[in-house]
């Protein structure tokens, strides 16, 4: 976590605070991927507090995504789902299409894992719709080509 810690330290010195929430969330996500759940939870909560204080909606959503992973790992599916639903609401409000699609796909995988294929399909369709305008541009050379 050396590089993430250094980025957090520099962000605290030079600001702005929204960068610090991003760096904290990056560290929390790395910890989750490494299976260091205590660090992931601690850092995500720190980011959540800072994002709340600074009014960083994207920081709040990203911290909630990491917390959902912590809850999922513990087997607390209800709390994991609540965190993802809140992250989806925030990303929808921010019109952050790719982030919203990622969260919707996570919700879909969770629904599939619990055997709710109807909900899984619904979340996948919502993820597709969220990014449809983005994916339509992939490979495009512009309107006149």
C-alpha atoms as a PDB file:
ATOM      1  CA  UNK A   1       0.000   0.000   0.000  1.00  0.00           C
ATOM      2  CA  UNK A   2       3.068   2.216  -0.069  1.00  0.00           C
ATOM      3  CA  UNK A   3       2.082   4.130  -3.219  1.00  0.00           C
ATOM      4  CA  UNK A   4      -1.513   4.592  -2.123  1.00  0.00           C
ATOM      5  CA  UNK A   5      -0.374   5.812   1.288  1.00  0.00           C
ATOM      6  CA  UNK A   6       1.973   8.300  -0.361  1.00  0.00           C
ATOM      7  CA  UNK A   7      -0.816   9.577  -2.624  1.00  0.00           C
ATOM      8  CA  UNK A   8      -3.101   9.975   0.397  1.00  0.00           C
ATOM      9  CA  UNK A   9      -0.389  11.846   2.276  1.00  0.00           C
ATOM     10  CA  UNK A  10       0.293  14.181  -0.659  1.00  0.00           C
ATOM     11  CA  UNK A  11      -3.426  14.699  -1.206  1.00  0.00           C
ATOM     12  CA  UNK A  12      -3.872  15.731   2.414  1.00  0.00           C
ATOM     13  CA  UNK A  13      -1.016  18.202   2.098  1.00  0.00           C
ATOM     14  CA  UNK A  14      -1.918  19.689  -1.259  1.00  0.00           C
ATOM     15  CA  UNK A  15      -5.610  18.906  -1.648  1.00  0.00           C
ATOM     16  CA  UNK A  16      -8.276  19.088  -2.797  1.00  0.00           C
ATOM     17  CA  UNK A  17     -10.067  16.743  -0.421  1.00  0.00           C
ATOM     18  CA  UNK A  18     -11.953  15.006  -3.240  1.00  0.00           C
ATOM     19  CA  UNK A  19      -8.607  13.651  -4.434  1.00  0.00           C
ATOM     20  CA  UNK A  20      -8.024  12.175  -0.999  1.00  0.00           C
ATOM     21  CA  UNK A  21     -11.357  10.322  -1.137  1.00  0.00           C
ATOM     22  CA  UNK A  22     -10.326   8.923  -4.528  1.00  0.00           C
ATOM     23  CA  UNK A  23      -6.955   7.779  -3.157  1.00  0.00           C
ATOM     24  CA  UNK A  24      -8.596   6.263  -0.075  1.00  0.00           C
ATOM     25  CA  UNK A  25     -11.075   4.385  -2.236  1.00  0.00           C
ATOM     26  CA  UNK A  26      -8.255   3.137  -4.442  1.00  0.00           C
ATOM     27  CA  UNK A  27      -6.434   1.810  -1.382  1.00  0.00           C
ATOM     28  CA  UNK A  28      -9.633   0.220  -0.045  1.00  0.00           C
ATOM     29  CA  UNK A  29     -10.299  -1.444  -3.414  1.00  0.00           C
ATOM     30  CA  UNK A  30      -6.722  -2.769  -3.545  1.00  0.00           C
ATOM     31  CA  UNK A  31      -7.071  -4.140  -0.017  1.00  0.00           C
ATOM     32  CA  UNK A  32     -10.329  -5.865  -0.963  1.00  0.00           C
ATOM     33  CA  UNK A  33      -8.736  -7.438  -4.037  1.00  0.00           C
ATOM     34  CA  UNK A  34      -5.910  -8.717  -1.837  1.00  0.00           C
ATOM     35  CA  UNK A  35      -8.378 -10.131   0.688  1.00  0.00           C
ATOM     36  CA  UNK A  36      -7.266  -7.693   3.392  1.00  0.00           C
ATOM     37  CA  UNK A  37     -10.835  -7.121   4.526  1.00  0.00           C
ATOM     38  CA  UNK A  38     -10.008  -5.264   7.750  1.00  0.00           C
ATOM     39  CA  UNK A  39      -7.996  -2.649   5.845  1.00  0.00           C
ATOM     40  CA  UNK A  40     -10.612  -2.440   3.093  1.00  0.00           C
ATOM     41  CA  UNK A  41     -13.355  -1.771   5.633  1.00  0.00           C
ATOM     42  CA  UNK A  42     -11.349   0.691   7.714  1.00  0.00           C
ATOM     43  CA  UNK A  43     -10.194   2.732   4.722  1.00  0.00           C
ATOM     44  CA  UNK A  44     -13.633   2.651   3.045  1.00  0.00           C
ATOM     45  CA  UNK A  45     -15.195   3.999   6.257  1.00  0.00           C
ATOM     46  CA  UNK A  46     -12.533   6.719   6.400  1.00  0.00           C
ATOM     47  CA  UNK A  47     -13.326   7.642   2.801  1.00  0.00           C
ATOM     48  CA  UNK A  48     -17.054   7.589   3.531  1.00  0.00           C
ATOM     49  CA  UNK A  49     -16.564  10.046   6.387  1.00  0.00           C
ATOM     50  CA  UNK A  50     -14.395  12.388   4.335  1.00  0.00           C
ATOM     51  CA  UNK A  51     -16.680  12.184   1.303  1.00  0.00           C
ATOM     52  CA  UNK A  52     -19.666  13.004   3.517  1.00  0.00           C
ATOM     53  CA  UNK A  53     -17.875  15.960   5.072  1.00  0.00           C
ATOM     54  CA  UNK A  54     -16.727  17.269   1.691  1.00  0.00           C
ATOM     55  CA  UNK A  55     -19.945  16.512  -0.182  1.00  0.00           C
ATOM     56  CA  UNK A  56     -18.209  14.207  -2.671  1.00  0.00           C
ATOM     57  CA  UNK A  57     -21.000  12.064  -4.074  1.00  0.00           C
ATOM     58  CA  UNK A  58     -18.685  10.045  -6.297  1.00  0.00           C
ATOM     59  CA  UNK A  59     -16.450   9.397  -3.279  1.00  0.00           C
ATOM     60  CA  UNK A  60     -19.457   8.198  -1.305  1.00  0.00           C
ATOM     61  CA  UNK A  61     -20.524   5.837  -4.060  1.00  0.00           C
ATOM     62  CA  UNK A  62     -17.049   4.357  -4.522  1.00  0.00           C
ATOM     63  CA  UNK A  63     -16.685   3.761  -0.778  1.00  0.00           C
ATOM     64  CA  UNK A  64     -20.075   2.042  -0.738  1.00  0.00           C
ATOM     65  CA  UNK A  65     -18.967  -0.296  -3.527  1.00  0.00           C
ATOM     66  CA  UNK A  66     -15.956  -1.384  -1.449  1.00  0.00           C
ATOM     67  CA  UNK A  67     -18.120  -1.780   1.655  1.00  0.00           C
ATOM     68  CA  UNK A  68     -20.470  -3.980  -0.372  1.00  0.00           C
ATOM     69  CA  UNK A  69     -17.528  -6.280  -1.063  1.00  0.00           C
ATOM     70  CA  UNK A  70     -16.685  -6.405   2.651  1.00  0.00           C
ATOM     71  CA  UNK A  71     -20.278  -7.305   3.536  1.00  0.00           C
ATOM     72  CA  UNK A  72     -20.470  -9.868   0.733  1.00  0.00           C
ATOM     73  CA  UNK A  73     -17.293 -11.527   1.964  1.00  0.00           C
ATOM     74  CA  UNK A  74     -18.866 -11.804   5.440  1.00  0.00           C
ATOM     75  CA  UNK A  75     -21.984 -13.353   3.972  1.00  0.00           C
ATOM     76  CA  UNK A  76     -24.136 -10.322   4.786  1.00  0.00           C
ATOM     77  CA  UNK A  77     -25.933 -10.231   1.453  1.00  0.00           C
ATOM     78  CA  UNK A  78     -28.602  -7.757   2.602  1.00  0.00           C
ATOM     79  CA  UNK A  79     -26.041  -5.136   3.674  1.00  0.00           C
ATOM     80  CA  UNK A  80     -23.958  -5.701   0.534  1.00  0.00           C
ATOM     81  CA  UNK A  81     -27.044  -5.198  -1.615  1.00  0.00           C
ATOM     82  CA  UNK A  82     -28.048  -2.028   0.262  1.00  0.00           C
ATOM     83  CA  UNK A  83     -24.589  -0.539  -0.287  1.00  0.00           C
ATOM     84  CA  UNK A  84     -24.714  -1.335  -4.005  1.00  0.00           C
ATOM     85  CA  UNK A  85     -28.238   0.042  -4.365  1.00  0.00           C
ATOM     86  CA  UNK A  86     -27.145   3.297  -2.731  1.00  0.00           C
ATOM     87  CA  UNK A  87     -24.067   3.475  -4.977  1.00  0.00           C
ATOM     88  CA  UNK A  88     -26.303   2.912  -8.016  1.00  0.00           C
ATOM     89  CA  UNK A  89     -28.635   5.708  -6.903  1.00  0.00           C
ATOM     90  CA  UNK A  90     -25.719   8.106  -6.529  1.00  0.00           C
ATOM     91  CA  UNK A  91     -24.144   7.179  -9.869  1.00  0.00           C
ATOM     92  CA  UNK A  92     -27.553   7.503 -11.556  1.00  0.00           C
ATOM     93  CA  UNK A  93     -27.978  10.995 -10.060  1.00  0.00           C
ATOM     94  CA  UNK A  94     -24.475  11.935 -11.238  1.00  0.00           C
ATOM     95  CA  UNK A  95     -25.106  10.472 -14.713  1.00  0.00           C
ATOM     96  CA  UNK A  96     -21.923   8.404 -14.265  1.00  0.00           C
ATOM     97  CA  UNK A  97     -22.874   5.800 -16.834  1.00  0.00           C
ATOM     98  CA  UNK A  98     -19.918   3.428 -16.723  1.00  0.00           C
ATOM     99  CA  UNK A  99     -19.794   3.411 -12.914  1.00  0.00           C
ATOM    100  CA  UNK A 100     -23.555   2.853 -12.794  1.00  0.00           C
ATOM    101  CA  UNK A 101     -23.271  -0.056 -15.212  1.00  0.00           C
ATOM    102  CA  UNK A 102     -20.518  -1.630 -13.103  1.00  0.00           C
ATOM    103  CA  UNK A 103     -22.680  -1.431  -9.980  1.00  0.00           C
ATOM    104  CA  UNK A 104     -25.727  -2.770 -11.810  1.00  0.00           C
ATOM    105  CA  UNK A 105     -23.692  -5.726 -13.063  1.00  0.00           C
ATOM    106  CA  UNK A 106     -22.523  -6.378  -9.488  1.00  0.00           C
ATOM    107  CA  UNK A 107     -26.165  -6.344  -8.381  1.00  0.00           C
ATOM    108  CA  UNK A 108     -26.968  -8.727 -11.220  1.00  0.00           C
ATOM    109  CA  UNK A 109     -24.225 -11.159 -10.223  1.00  0.00           C
ATOM    110  CA  UNK A 110     -25.450 -11.053  -6.617  1.00  0.00           C
ATOM    111  CA  UNK A 111     -29.019 -11.754  -7.761  1.00  0.00           C
ATOM    112  CA  UNK A 112     -27.817 -14.666  -9.898  1.00  0.00           C
ATOM    113  CA  UNK A 113     -25.809 -16.074  -6.979  1.00  0.00           C
ATOM    114  CA  UNK A 114     -28.924 -16.137  -4.812  1.00  0.00           C
ATOM    115  CA  UNK A 115     -30.907 -17.775  -7.640  1.00  0.00           C
ATOM    116  CA  UNK A 116     -32.992 -14.753  -8.652  1.00  0.00           C
ATOM    117  CA  UNK A 117     -32.498 -14.963 -12.404  1.00  0.00           C
ATOM    118  CA  UNK A 118     -35.312 -12.513 -13.154  1.00  0.00           C
ATOM    119  CA  UNK A 119     -33.575  -9.787 -11.101  1.00  0.00           C
ATOM    120  CA  UNK A 120     -30.198 -10.735 -12.584  1.00  0.00           C
ATOM    121  CA  UNK A 121     -31.569 -10.269 -16.088  1.00  0.00           C
ATOM    122  CA  UNK A 122     -33.227  -6.986 -15.120  1.00  0.00           C
ATOM    123  CA  UNK A 123     -29.949  -5.599 -13.701  1.00  0.00           C
ATOM    124  CA  UNK A 124     -28.014  -6.711 -16.791  1.00  0.00           C
ATOM    125  CA  UNK A 125     -30.559  -4.982 -19.032  1.00  0.00           C
ATOM    126  CA  UNK A 126     -30.332  -1.819 -16.936  1.00  0.00           C
ATOM    127  CA  UNK A 127     -26.530  -1.915 -17.179  1.00  0.00           C
ATOM    128  CA  UNK A 128     -26.786  -2.241 -20.945  1.00  0.00           C
ATOM    129  CA  UNK A 129     -29.218   0.679 -21.133  1.00  0.00           C
ATOM    130  CA  UNK A 130     -26.990   2.804 -18.895  1.00  0.00           C
ATOM    131  CA  UNK A 131     -24.073   2.442 -21.285  1.00  0.00           C
ATOM    132  CA  UNK A 132     -25.876   2.136 -24.594  1.00  0.00           C
ATOM    133  CA  UNK A 133     -25.046   5.679 -25.677  1.00  0.00           C
ATOM    134  CA  UNK A 134     -21.410   5.105 -24.693  1.00  0.00           C
ATOM    135  CA  UNK A 135     -21.065   1.757 -26.447  1.00  0.00           C
ATOM    136  CA  UNK A 136     -22.669   3.108 -29.632  1.00  0.00           C
ATOM    137  CA  UNK A 137     -19.624   5.344 -30.050  1.00  0.00           C
ATOM    138  CA  UNK A 138     -17.042   2.588 -29.658  1.00  0.00           C
ATOM    139  CA  UNK A 139     -15.404   1.983 -32.992  1.00  0.00           C
ATOM    140  CA  UNK A 140     -17.139   4.963 -34.559  1.00  0.00           C
ATOM    141  CA  UNK A 141     -15.018   7.289 -36.652  1.00  0.00           C
ATOM    142  CA  UNK A 142     -17.433  10.141 -36.327  1.00  0.00           C
ATOM    143  CA  UNK A 143     -20.730  11.167 -37.914  1.00  0.00           C
ATOM    144  CA  UNK A 144     -19.343  11.858 -41.397  1.00  0.00           C
ATOM    145  CA  UNK A 145     -17.396   8.633 -41.943  1.00  0.00           C
END
